[in-house]
């Protein structure tokens, strides 16, 4: 009998609305791979991803997907935060801004 071993990949669609403060929580185990696909407006230039306030990746192209393998993490609650960076230059004026969203991750 042939055994095929696959890495568990969980895809979470994060429909984020920055005006709402919803608590979001997900459960994972060490060894699992998380795939985050944030739902973002079209004018985002880059997204920075943080695990417990440590920068783990920066994405500069849509769809800004994060693939992160959980390894060596302690059991309990951790925070995955993503910051979206905007820059626009229209009609002689320009602006930039940063917005962030945090997700609670529980490692079992």
Protein backbone atom coordinates (compact mmCIF):
# COMPACT_ATOMS: atom_id res chain seq x y z
CA UNK A 1 0.00 0.00 0.00
CA UNK A 2 1.37 3.33 -1.01
CA UNK A 3 1.25 6.21 1.42
CA UNK A 4 1.12 9.78 0.35
CA UNK A 5 1.99 12.40 2.91
CA UNK A 6 0.71 15.89 2.32
CA UNK A 7 1.45 19.01 4.27
CA UNK A 8 -1.71 20.40 5.72
CA UNK A 9 -2.40 23.75 4.15
CA UNK A 10 -5.21 25.79 5.57
CA UNK A 11 -6.51 28.67 3.57
CA UNK A 12 -8.22 31.44 5.46
CA UNK A 13 -9.92 34.17 3.57
CA UNK A 14 -9.66 37.22 5.71
CA UNK A 15 -12.44 39.56 4.84
CA UNK A 16 -11.18 42.54 6.72
CA UNK A 17 -13.04 45.71 7.39
CA UNK A 18 -10.94 48.28 9.18
CA UNK A 19 -13.92 50.03 10.70
CA UNK A 20 -14.98 46.92 12.63
CA UNK A 21 -13.06 45.50 15.57
CA UNK A 22 -13.99 41.84 15.33
CA UNK A 23 -12.13 39.23 17.35
CA UNK A 24 -10.92 36.53 15.01
CA UNK A 25 -9.25 33.37 16.33
CA UNK A 26 -7.84 30.28 14.60
CA UNK A 27 -6.36 27.03 15.96
CA UNK A 28 -3.18 25.45 14.56
CA UNK A 29 -0.50 22.93 15.53
CA UNK A 30 3.27 23.09 15.11
CA UNK A 31 4.17 21.69 11.70
CA UNK A 32 1.09 23.08 9.97
CA UNK A 33 1.31 25.61 7.17
CA UNK A 34 -0.97 28.63 7.21
CA UNK A 35 -1.92 30.35 3.99
CA UNK A 36 -3.43 33.81 4.46
CA UNK A 37 -5.19 35.53 1.60
CA UNK A 38 -6.32 38.94 2.82
CA UNK A 39 -9.20 40.71 1.15
CA UNK A 40 -7.80 44.16 0.42
CA UNK A 41 -8.75 47.20 -1.65
CA UNK A 42 -6.96 47.68 -4.99
CA UNK A 43 -4.83 50.66 -3.91
CA UNK A 44 -2.60 48.68 -1.49
CA UNK A 45 1.09 48.87 -2.39
CA UNK A 46 2.51 46.37 0.11
CA UNK A 47 1.63 44.25 3.12
CA UNK A 48 3.90 43.54 6.10
CA UNK A 49 3.18 40.41 8.17
CA UNK A 50 4.17 40.15 11.85
CA UNK A 51 4.16 37.10 14.16
CA UNK A 52 4.09 38.27 17.80
CA UNK A 53 5.40 41.72 16.72
CA UNK A 54 8.31 40.24 14.73
CA UNK A 55 8.33 41.00 11.00
CA UNK A 56 8.18 37.66 9.14
CA UNK A 57 7.44 38.73 5.56
CA UNK A 58 6.68 41.65 3.25
CA UNK A 59 4.61 41.23 0.11
CA UNK A 60 4.72 43.82 -2.66
CA UNK A 61 2.52 42.19 -5.29
CA UNK A 62 -1.16 41.25 -5.30
CA UNK A 63 -2.73 39.10 -3.96
CA UNK A 64 -0.28 39.63 -1.02
CA UNK A 65 -0.56 35.97 0.09
CA UNK A 66 1.36 34.82 3.16
CA UNK A 67 2.43 31.17 3.42
CA UNK A 68 3.89 30.51 6.86
CA UNK A 69 4.92 27.19 8.40
CA UNK A 70 4.42 27.08 12.15
CA UNK A 71 7.50 25.56 13.77
CA UNK A 72 8.88 25.68 17.29
CA UNK A 73 6.06 27.80 18.68
CA UNK A 74 4.92 27.48 22.27
CA UNK A 75 1.39 26.36 23.00
CA UNK A 76 -1.01 29.18 23.65
CA UNK A 77 -2.08 32.36 21.96
CA UNK A 78 -0.03 34.26 19.40
CA UNK A 79 -0.79 37.24 17.19
CA UNK A 80 -0.53 37.46 13.43
CA UNK A 81 -0.74 41.08 12.34
CA UNK A 82 -0.72 42.48 8.87
CA UNK A 83 -0.12 46.10 7.97
CA UNK A 84 -1.27 47.43 4.63
CA UNK A 85 0.65 50.31 3.07
CA UNK A 86 -1.04 52.74 0.71
CA UNK A 87 0.48 55.40 -1.48
CA UNK A 88 -1.31 57.49 -4.03
CA UNK A 89 -0.33 60.40 -6.21
CA UNK A 90 -3.12 62.06 -8.13
CA UNK A 91 -3.77 65.58 -9.28
CA UNK A 92 -0.52 66.97 -7.91
CA UNK A 93 -1.08 65.68 -4.38
CA UNK A 94 0.14 62.49 -2.76
CA UNK A 95 -0.57 60.61 0.42
CA UNK A 96 0.54 57.48 2.22
CA UNK A 97 -1.05 55.62 5.10
CA UNK A 98 -0.74 52.39 7.05
CA UNK A 99 -3.61 50.32 8.41
CA UNK A 100 -3.30 47.12 10.42
CA UNK A 101 -5.40 44.13 11.44
CA UNK A 102 -4.54 41.50 14.08
CA UNK A 103 -5.64 37.88 14.17
CA UNK A 104 -5.41 35.67 17.25
CA UNK A 105 -3.73 32.29 16.58
CA UNK A 106 -3.87 29.52 19.18
CA UNK A 107 -1.15 26.89 18.96
CA UNK A 108 -2.27 23.57 20.42
